[in-house]
Amino acid sequence: MSDSATAVTSKPKVLVADDEQVIANTLAIILNQAGFEARAVYSGEKAIESLDTFEPDMLISDVIMTGMTGIEAAIATRAKRPNCKILLFSGQAATADLLEKARAQGHEFEILAKPVHPTDLLAKLRRQS
């Protein structure tokens, strides 16, 4: 599909969205050190804004965020960048209801429970990239 050799040799791009800046920044640092090109944003809205400029291969997003939820950001991401892989994480019980609503609308997303151990996250990312 890609017509440039750089796509083969470039690092997978990962966009990390979490309204808890320490979590987003820490995940981005871990991913960058593990060979990904990662960028942190602090809202679902910022994640959507970053799609055109950063062009991620994967979105990792918290589900429960102020403003746009991670699920809403994931749905918008999938509409804008259909090949972008999506991984959601959450530490809150309200997530199940939001996921069920998304499933009812035909959207299926994988979710990890917070806190996500870095080795578990990296293993999952490497399987998907």
Foldseek 3Di string as FASTA:
>chain_A
DDPDPVVVVAAAEEEEEALPVVVQVVLCVLQVVVRHNYDYDYDLVVLLVCCVVRVGLEYEYEQDHPDHGPLNSVVSCCVVPVRRAYEYEYQDPCVVVVQVVCVVVPDHHHYDYPPDDSVNVVVVVVVVD
